[in-house]
PDB file of N, CA and C in Angstrom:
ATOM      1  N   UNK A   1       0.839  -1.167   0.000  1.00  0.00           N
ATOM      2  CA  UNK A   1       0.000   0.000   0.000  1.00  0.00           C
ATOM      3  C   UNK A   1       0.897   1.247   0.000  1.00  0.00           C
ATOM      4  N   UNK A   2       0.572   2.192  -0.845  1.00  0.00           N
ATOM      5  CA  UNK A   2       1.307   3.452  -0.913  1.00  0.00           C
ATOM      6  C   UNK A   2       0.529   4.507  -0.135  1.00  0.00           C
ATOM      7  N   UNK A   3       1.215   5.142   0.798  1.00  0.00           N
ATOM      8  CA  UNK A   3       0.600   6.215   1.573  1.00  0.00           C
ATOM      9  C   UNK A   3       1.178   7.546   1.124  1.00  0.00           C
ATOM     10  N   UNK A   4       0.321   8.533   1.040  1.00  0.00           N
ATOM     11  CA  UNK A   4       0.746   9.885   0.694  1.00  0.00           C
ATOM     12  C   UNK A   4       0.402  10.806   1.850  1.00  0.00           C
ATOM     13  N   UNK A   5       1.308  11.749   2.107  1.00  0.00           N
ATOM     14  CA  UNK A   5       1.080  12.689   3.193  1.00  0.00           C
ATOM     15  C   UNK A   5       0.828  14.072   2.624  1.00  0.00           C
ATOM     16  N   UNK A   6      -0.293  14.639   2.990  1.00  0.00           N
ATOM     17  CA  UNK A   6      -0.614  16.014   2.639  1.00  0.00           C
ATOM     18  C   UNK A   6      -0.772  16.818   3.917  1.00  0.00           C
ATOM     19  N   UNK A   7      -0.255  18.028   3.925  1.00  0.00           N
ATOM     20  CA  UNK A   7      -0.401  18.864   5.113  1.00  0.00           C
ATOM     21  C   UNK A   7      -0.920  20.239   4.719  1.00  0.00           C
ATOM     22  N   UNK A   8      -1.674  20.826   5.626  1.00  0.00           N
ATOM     23  CA  UNK A   8      -2.193  22.182   5.454  1.00  0.00           C
ATOM     24  C   UNK A   8      -1.646  23.028   6.596  1.00  0.00           C
ATOM     25  N   UNK A   9      -1.024  24.134   6.240  1.00  0.00           N
ATOM     26  CA  UNK A   9      -0.403  25.009   7.223  1.00  0.00           C
ATOM     27  C   UNK A   9      -1.313  26.203   7.489  1.00  0.00           C
ATOM     28  N   UNK A  10      -1.516  26.494   8.751  1.00  0.00           N
ATOM     29  CA  UNK A  10      -2.404  27.586   9.158  1.00  0.00           C
ATOM     30  C   UNK A  10      -1.701  28.930   9.064  1.00  0.00           C
ATOM     31  N   UNK A  11      -2.479  29.978   9.170  1.00  0.00           N
ATOM     32  CA  UNK A  11      -1.935  31.325   9.214  1.00  0.00           C
ATOM     33  C   UNK A  11      -1.531  31.669  10.635  1.00  0.00           C
ATOM     34  N   UNK A  12      -1.313  32.937  10.866  1.00  0.00           N
ATOM     35  CA  UNK A  12      -0.958  33.350  12.214  1.00  0.00           C
ATOM     36  C   UNK A  12       0.155  34.377  12.243  1.00  0.00           C
ATOM     37  N   UNK A  13       0.295  35.112  11.145  1.00  0.00           N
ATOM     38  CA  UNK A  13       1.329  36.139  11.107  1.00  0.00           C
ATOM     39  C   UNK A  13       2.708  35.543  11.248  1.00  0.00           C
ATOM     40  N   UNK A  14       3.519  36.171  12.053  1.00  0.00           N
ATOM     41  CA  UNK A  14       4.897  35.728  12.209  1.00  0.00           C
ATOM     42  C   UNK A  14       4.974  34.357  12.882  1.00  0.00           C
ATOM     43  N   UNK A  15       3.914  33.943  13.562  1.00  0.00           N
ATOM     44  CA  UNK A  15       3.906  32.605  14.170  1.00  0.00           C
ATOM     45  C   UNK A  15       3.942  31.512  13.113  1.00  0.00           C
ATOM     46  N   UNK A  16       3.679  31.878  11.875  1.00  0.00           N
ATOM     47  CA  UNK A  16       3.763  30.913  10.782  1.00  0.00           C
ATOM     48  C   UNK A  16       5.147  30.307  10.627  1.00  0.00           C
ATOM     49  N   UNK A  17       6.145  30.946  11.211  1.00  0.00           N
ATOM     50  CA  UNK A  17       7.503  30.420  11.146  1.00  0.00           C
ATOM     51  C   UNK A  17       7.596  29.059  11.829  1.00  0.00           C
ATOM     52  N   UNK A  18       6.693  28.771  12.745  1.00  0.00           N
ATOM     53  CA  UNK A  18       6.701  27.470  13.426  1.00  0.00           C
ATOM     54  C   UNK A  18       6.555  26.325  12.433  1.00  0.00           C
ATOM     55  N   UNK A  19       5.922  26.589  11.312  1.00  0.00           N
ATOM     56  CA  UNK A  19       5.755  25.544  10.295  1.00  0.00           C
ATOM     57  C   UNK A  19       7.093  25.075   9.742  1.00  0.00           C
ATOM     58  N   UNK A  20       8.076  25.964   9.683  1.00  0.00           N
ATOM     59  CA  UNK A  20       9.401  25.568   9.208  1.00  0.00           C
ATOM     60  C   UNK A  20       9.979  24.506  10.143  1.00  0.00           C
ATOM     61  N   UNK A  21       9.738  24.649  11.436  1.00  0.00           N
ATOM     62  CA  UNK A  21      10.199  23.649  12.396  1.00  0.00           C
ATOM     63  C   UNK A  21       9.518  22.306  12.215  1.00  0.00           C
ATOM     64  N   UNK A  22       8.238  22.345  11.913  1.00  0.00           N
ATOM     65  CA  UNK A  22       7.498  21.105  11.658  1.00  0.00           C
ATOM     66  C   UNK A  22       8.045  20.412  10.413  1.00  0.00           C
ATOM     67  N   UNK A  23       8.276  21.185   9.359  1.00  0.00           N
ATOM     68  CA  UNK A  23       8.819  20.604   8.128  1.00  0.00           C
ATOM     69  C   UNK A  23      10.214  20.024   8.359  1.00  0.00           C
ATOM     70  N   UNK A  24      11.009  20.709   9.170  1.00  0.00           N
ATOM     71  CA  UNK A  24      12.347  20.218   9.493  1.00  0.00           C
ATOM     72  C   UNK A  24      12.259  18.888  10.244  1.00  0.00           C
ATOM     73  N   UNK A  25      11.353  18.812  11.216  1.00  0.00           N
ATOM     74  CA  UNK A  25      11.176  17.575  11.984  1.00  0.00           C
ATOM     75  C   UNK A  25      10.728  16.423  11.078  1.00  0.00           C
ATOM     76  N   UNK A  26       9.826  16.704  10.149  1.00  0.00           N
ATOM     77  CA  UNK A  26       9.378  15.663   9.216  1.00  0.00           C
ATOM     78  C   UNK A  26      10.543  15.175   8.361  1.00  0.00           C
ATOM     79  N   UNK A  27      11.370  16.104   7.880  1.00  0.00           N
ATOM     80  CA  UNK A  27      12.529  15.717   7.081  1.00  0.00           C
ATOM     81  C   UNK A  27      13.503  14.874   7.900  1.00  0.00           C
ATOM     82  N   UNK A  28      13.732  15.255   9.149  1.00  0.00           N
ATOM     83  CA  UNK A  28      14.649  14.502  10.013  1.00  0.00           C
ATOM     84  C   UNK A  28      14.162  13.077  10.243  1.00  0.00           C
ATOM     85  N   UNK A  29      12.855  12.892  10.272  1.00  0.00           N
ATOM     86  CA  UNK A  29      12.262  11.558  10.431  1.00  0.00           C
ATOM     87  C   UNK A  29      12.079  10.865   9.081  1.00  0.00           C
ATOM     88  N   UNK A  30      12.573  11.501   8.029  1.00  0.00           N
ATOM     89  CA  UNK A  30      12.481  10.999   6.653  1.00  0.00           C
ATOM     90  C   UNK A  30      11.040  10.740   6.232  1.00  0.00           C
ATOM     91  N   UNK A  31      10.168  11.651   6.645  1.00  0.00           N
ATOM     92  CA  UNK A  31       8.763  11.601   6.242  1.00  0.00           C
ATOM     93  C   UNK A  31       8.593  12.583   5.097  1.00  0.00           C
ATOM     94  N   UNK A  32       8.203  12.059   3.949  1.00  0.00           N
ATOM     95  CA  UNK A  32       8.072  12.884   2.750  1.00  0.00           C
ATOM     96  C   UNK A  32       6.679  13.495   2.654  1.00  0.00           C
ATOM     97  N   UNK A  33       6.644  14.802   2.433  1.00  0.00           N
ATOM     98  CA  UNK A  33       5.385  15.515   2.230  1.00  0.00           C
ATOM     99  C   UNK A  33       5.097  15.511   0.733  1.00  0.00           C
ATOM    100  N   UNK A  34       3.953  14.938   0.354  1.00  0.00           N
ATOM    101  CA  UNK A  34       3.592  14.842  -1.062  1.00  0.00           C
ATOM    102  C   UNK A  34       2.772  16.031  -1.541  1.00  0.00           C
ATOM    103  N   UNK A  35       1.942  16.554  -0.654  1.00  0.00           N
ATOM    104  CA  UNK A  35       1.054  17.657  -1.003  1.00  0.00           C
ATOM    105  C   UNK A  35       1.099  18.652   0.148  1.00  0.00           C
ATOM    106  N   UNK A  36       1.235  19.941  -0.185  1.00  0.00           N
ATOM    107  CA  UNK A  36       1.316  20.959   0.864  1.00  0.00           C
ATOM    108  C   UNK A  36       0.523  22.191   0.435  1.00  0.00           C
ATOM    109  N   UNK A  37      -0.134  22.794   1.383  1.00  0.00           N
ATOM    110  CA  UNK A  37      -0.889  24.015   1.130  1.00  0.00           C
ATOM    111  C   UNK A  37      -0.990  24.794   2.422  1.00  0.00           C
ATOM    112  N   UNK A  38      -1.542  25.970   2.349  1.00  0.00           N
ATOM    113  CA  UNK A  38      -1.658  26.750   3.566  1.00  0.00           C
ATOM    114  C   UNK A  38      -2.488  27.992   3.378  1.00  0.00           C
ATOM    115  N   UNK A  39      -2.727  28.665   4.486  1.00  0.00           N
ATOM    116  CA  UNK A  39      -3.467  29.924   4.494  1.00  0.00           C
ATOM    117  C   UNK A  39      -2.578  30.994   5.102  1.00  0.00           C
ATOM    118  N   UNK A  40      -2.643  32.177   4.549  1.00  0.00           N
ATOM    119  CA  UNK A  40      -1.928  33.331   5.069  1.00  0.00           C
ATOM    120  C   UNK A  40      -0.435  33.037   5.170  1.00  0.00           C
ATOM    121  N   UNK A  41       0.164  33.189   6.357  1.00  0.00           N
ATOM    122  CA  UNK A  41       1.602  32.949   6.466  1.00  0.00           C
ATOM    123  C   UNK A  41       1.936  31.487   6.186  1.00  0.00           C
ATOM    124  N   UNK A  42       1.006  30.600   6.466  1.00  0.00           N
ATOM    125  CA  UNK A  42       1.204  29.186   6.130  1.00  0.00           C
ATOM    126  C   UNK A  42       1.321  28.967   4.641  1.00  0.00           C
ATOM    127  N   UNK A  43       0.621  29.793   3.859  1.00  0.00           N
ATOM    128  CA  UNK A  43       0.722  29.650   2.398  1.00  0.00           C
ATOM    129  C   UNK A  43       2.094  30.104   1.899  1.00  0.00           C
ATOM    130  N   UNK A  44       2.686  31.080   2.590  1.00  0.00           N
ATOM    131  CA  UNK A  44       4.038  31.508   2.202  1.00  0.00           C
ATOM    132  C   UNK A  44       5.039  30.394   2.477  1.00  0.00           C
ATOM    133  N   UNK A  45       4.935  29.768   3.640  1.00  0.00           N
ATOM    134  CA  UNK A  45       5.832  28.667   3.980  1.00  0.00           C
ATOM    135  C   UNK A  45       5.607  27.502   3.018  1.00  0.00           C
ATOM    136  N   UNK A  46       4.350  27.166   2.757  1.00  0.00           N
ATOM    137  CA  UNK A  46       4.024  26.058   1.857  1.00  0.00           C
ATOM    138  C   UNK A  46       4.570  26.305   0.453  1.00  0.00           C
ATOM    139  N   UNK A  47       4.425  27.524  -0.039  1.00  0.00           N
ATOM    140  CA  UNK A  47       4.912  27.856  -1.376  1.00  0.00           C
ATOM    141  C   UNK A  47       6.426  27.737  -1.446  1.00  0.00           C
ATOM    142  N   UNK A  48       7.113  28.296  -0.469  1.00  0.00           N
ATOM    143  CA  UNK A  48       8.579  28.220  -0.458  1.00  0.00           C
ATOM    144  C   UNK A  48       9.053  26.772  -0.382  1.00  0.00           C
ATOM    145  N   UNK A  49       8.393  25.975   0.442  1.00  0.00           N
ATOM    146  CA  UNK A  49       8.770  24.565   0.578  1.00  0.00           C
ATOM    147  C   UNK A  49       8.508  23.807  -0.727  1.00  0.00           C
ATOM    148  N   UNK A  50       7.358  24.080  -1.336  1.00  0.00           N
ATOM    149  CA  UNK A  50       7.030  23.417  -2.606  1.00  0.00           C
ATOM    150  C   UNK A  50       8.017  23.801  -3.710  1.00  0.00           C
ATOM    151  N   UNK A  51       8.569  25.004  -3.614  1.00  0.00           N
ATOM    152  CA  UNK A  51       9.568  25.454  -4.593  1.00  0.00           C
ATOM    153  C   UNK A  51      10.948  24.866  -4.329  1.00  0.00           C
ATOM    154  N   UNK A  52      11.098  24.159  -3.205  1.00  0.00           N
ATOM    155  CA  UNK A  52      12.353  23.491  -2.928  1.00  0.00           C
ATOM    156  C   UNK A  52      13.233  24.136  -1.869  1.00  0.00           C
ATOM    157  N   UNK A  53      12.750  25.199  -1.244  1.00  0.00           N
ATOM    158  CA  UNK A  53      13.531  25.830  -0.181  1.00  0.00           C
ATOM    159  C   UNK A  53      13.542  24.923   1.051  1.00  0.00           C
ATOM    160  N   UNK A  54      14.668  24.868   1.721  1.00  0.00           N
ATOM    161  CA  UNK A  54      14.781  24.050   2.930  1.00  0.00           C
ATOM    162  C   UNK A  54      14.060  24.747   4.085  1.00  0.00           C
ATOM    163  N   UNK A  55      13.614  23.968   5.077  1.00  0.00           N
ATOM    164  CA  UNK A  55      12.981  24.586   6.243  1.00  0.00           C
ATOM    165  C   UNK A  55      13.895  25.608   6.924  1.00  0.00           C
ATOM    166  N   UNK A  56      15.191  25.329   6.971  1.00  0.00           N
ATOM    167  CA  UNK A  56      16.123  26.278   7.594  1.00  0.00           C
ATOM    168  C   UNK A  56      16.149  27.596   6.821  1.00  0.00           C
ATOM    169  N   UNK A  57      16.200  27.525   5.487  1.00  0.00           N
ATOM    170  CA  UNK A  57      16.232  28.747   4.691  1.00  0.00           C
ATOM    171  C   UNK A  57      14.922  29.520   4.824  1.00  0.00           C
ATOM    172  N   UNK A  58      13.810  28.820   4.908  1.00  0.00           N
ATOM    173  CA  UNK A  58      12.514  29.478   5.115  1.00  0.00           C
ATOM    174  C   UNK A  58      12.537  30.236   6.442  1.00  0.00           C
ATOM    175  N   UNK A  59      13.084  29.600   7.475  1.00  0.00           N
ATOM    176  CA  UNK A  59      13.220  30.256   8.782  1.00  0.00           C
ATOM    177  C   UNK A  59      14.053  31.534   8.664  1.00  0.00           C
ATOM    178  N   UNK A  60      15.177  31.439   7.954  1.00  0.00           N
ATOM    179  CA  UNK A  60      16.062  32.599   7.780  1.00  0.00           C
ATOM    180  C   UNK A  60      15.323  33.726   7.047  1.00  0.00           C
ATOM    181  N   UNK A  61      14.566  33.383   6.007  1.00  0.00           N
ATOM    182  CA  UNK A  61      13.806  34.400   5.268  1.00  0.00           C
ATOM    183  C   UNK A  61      12.794  35.096   6.169  1.00  0.00           C
ATOM    184  N   UNK A  62      12.056  34.312   6.951  1.00  0.00           N
ATOM    185  CA  UNK A  62      11.066  34.907   7.855  1.00  0.00           C
ATOM    186  C   UNK A  62      11.746  35.799   8.880  1.00  0.00           C
ATOM    187  N   UNK A  63      12.834  35.323   9.443  1.00  0.00           N
ATOM    188  CA  UNK A  63      13.528  36.089  10.469  1.00  0.00           C
ATOM    189  C   UNK A  63      14.071  37.397   9.889  1.00  0.00           C
ATOM    190  N   UNK A  64      14.618  37.310   8.691  1.00  0.00           N
ATOM    191  CA  UNK A  64      15.225  38.484   8.065  1.00  0.00           C
ATOM    192  C   UNK A  64      14.185  39.517   7.634  1.00  0.00           C
ATOM    193  N   UNK A  65      13.045  39.046   7.119  1.00  0.00           N
ATOM    194  CA  UNK A  65      12.058  39.958   6.537  1.00  0.00           C
ATOM    195  C   UNK A  65      10.773  40.060   7.356  1.00  0.00           C
ATOM    196  N   UNK A  66      10.805  39.703   8.629  1.00  0.00           N
ATOM    197  CA  UNK A  66       9.595  39.693   9.457  1.00  0.00           C
ATOM    198  C   UNK A  66       8.891  41.040   9.469  1.00  0.00           C
ATOM    199  N   UNK A  67       9.628  42.126   9.661  1.00  0.00           N
ATOM    200  CA  UNK A  67       8.998  43.446   9.735  1.00  0.00           C
ATOM    201  C   UNK A  67       8.319  43.807   8.420  1.00  0.00           C
ATOM    202  N   UNK A  68       8.965  43.511   7.305  1.00  0.00           N
ATOM    203  CA  UNK A  68       8.374  43.810   5.997  1.00  0.00           C
ATOM    204  C   UNK A  68       7.140  42.950   5.740  1.00  0.00           C
ATOM    205  N   UNK A  69       7.219  41.666   6.121  1.00  0.00           N
ATOM    206  CA  UNK A  69       6.089  40.760   5.922  1.00  0.00           C
ATOM    207  C   UNK A  69       4.875  41.249   6.707  1.00  0.00           C
ATOM    208  N   UNK A  70       5.097  41.675   7.943  1.00  0.00           N
ATOM    209  CA  UNK A  70       3.993  42.098   8.797  1.00  0.00           C
ATOM    210  C   UNK A  70       3.442  43.467   8.428  1.00  0.00           C
ATOM    211  N   UNK A  71       4.212  44.269   7.702  1.00  0.00           N
ATOM    212  CA  UNK A  71       3.758  45.617   7.382  1.00  0.00           C
ATOM    213  C   UNK A  71       3.067  45.725   6.024  1.00  0.00           C
ATOM    214  N   UNK A  72       2.913  44.630   5.318  1.00  0.00           N
ATOM    215  CA  UNK A  72       2.250  44.663   4.011  1.00  0.00           C
ATOM    216  C   UNK A  72       0.781  45.028   4.200  1.00  0.00           C
ATOM    217  N   UNK A  73       0.340  46.008   3.447  1.00  0.00           N
ATOM    218  CA  UNK A  73      -1.063  46.433   3.508  1.00  0.00           C
ATOM    219  C   UNK A  73      -1.891  45.540   2.595  1.00  0.00           C
ATOM    220  N   UNK A  74      -2.678  44.667   3.190  1.00  0.00           N
ATOM    221  CA  UNK A  74      -3.487  43.728   2.414  1.00  0.00           C
ATOM    222  C   UNK A  74      -4.902  44.246   2.161  1.00  0.00           C
ATOM    223  N   UNK A  75      -5.229  45.434   2.648  1.00  0.00           N
ATOM    224  CA  UNK A  75      -6.597  45.926   2.485  1.00  0.00           C
ATOM    225  C   UNK A  75      -7.018  46.063   1.022  1.00  0.00           C
ATOM    226  N   UNK A  76      -6.153  46.471   0.068  1.00  0.00           N
ATOM    227  CA  UNK A  76      -6.608  46.517  -1.322  1.00  0.00           C
ATOM    228  C   UNK A  76      -7.029  45.142  -1.854  1.00  0.00           C
ATOM    229  N   UNK A  77      -6.313  44.110  -1.454  1.00  0.00           N
ATOM    230  CA  UNK A  77      -6.662  42.757  -1.897  1.00  0.00           C
ATOM    231  C   UNK A  77      -7.988  42.338  -1.281  1.00  0.00           C
ATOM    232  N   UNK A  78      -8.128  42.570   0.008  1.00  0.00           N
ATOM    233  CA  UNK A  78      -9.358  42.182   0.705  1.00  0.00           C
ATOM    234  C   UNK A  78     -10.551  42.951   0.151  1.00  0.00           C
ATOM    235  N   UNK A  79     -10.384  44.247  -0.115  1.00  0.00           N
ATOM    236  CA  UNK A  79     -11.480  45.050  -0.668  1.00  0.00           C
ATOM    237  C   UNK A  79     -11.877  44.567  -2.056  1.00  0.00           C
ATOM    238  N   UNK A  80     -10.909  44.189  -2.870  1.00  0.00           N
ATOM    239  CA  UNK A  80     -11.202  43.687  -4.215  1.00  0.00           C
ATOM    240  C   UNK A  80     -11.996  42.391  -4.133  1.00  0.00           C
ATOM    241  N   UNK A  81     -11.582  41.498  -3.254  1.00  0.00           N
ATOM    242  CA  UNK A  81     -12.301  40.233  -3.080  1.00  0.00           C
ATOM    243  C   UNK A  81     -13.714  40.495  -2.573  1.00  0.00           C
ATOM    244  N   UNK A  82     -13.841  41.404  -1.623  1.00  0.00           N
ATOM    245  CA  UNK A  82     -15.160  41.742  -1.064  1.00  0.00           C
ATOM    246  C   UNK A  82     -16.066  42.304  -2.169  1.00  0.00           C
ATOM    247  N   UNK A  83     -15.536  43.188  -3.005  1.00  0.00           N
ATOM    248  CA  UNK A  83     -16.334  43.765  -4.109  1.00  0.00           C
ATOM    249  C   UNK A  83     -16.757  42.679  -5.086  1.00  0.00           C
ATOM    250  N   UNK A  84     -15.874  41.742  -5.344  1.00  0.00           N
ATOM    251  CA  UNK A  84     -16.199  40.645  -6.274  1.00  0.00           C
ATOM    252  C   UNK A  84     -17.379  39.826  -5.744  1.00  0.00           C
ATOM    253  N   UNK A  85     -17.369  39.512  -4.460  1.00  0.00           N
ATOM    254  CA  UNK A  85     -18.435  38.694  -3.898  1.00  0.00           C
ATOM    255  C   UNK A  85     -19.729  39.466  -3.646  1.00  0.00           C
ATOM    256  N   UNK A  86     -19.645  40.784  -3.550  1.00  0.00           N
ATOM    257  CA  UNK A  86     -20.841  41.589  -3.333  1.00  0.00           C
ATOM    258  C   UNK A  86     -21.655  41.772  -4.595  1.00  0.00           C
ATOM    259  N   UNK A  87     -21.090  41.442  -5.733  1.00  0.00           N
ATOM    260  CA  UNK A  87     -21.806  41.617  -7.008  1.00  0.00           C
ATOM    261  C   UNK A  87     -22.862  40.575  -7.202  1.00  0.00           C
TER     262      UNK A  87
END
């Protein structure tokens, strides 16, 4: 029997960096992630991991750019989505 592992990473702002630790632990146990996705900061980690970045490098990116990541104004995106659904 072939088993596949899919994981979904939650959001949570800068706390999303915890997902890099989870991915690192899975790699250390030689558990392969076949499918990955996420929401908010989890989607950033999932995308970087799917592109081949190591959990350690993802951690470094978050640590280095935390202030910039947290200061992004997402209101234009949210307003556009809201307008789309209000039609």
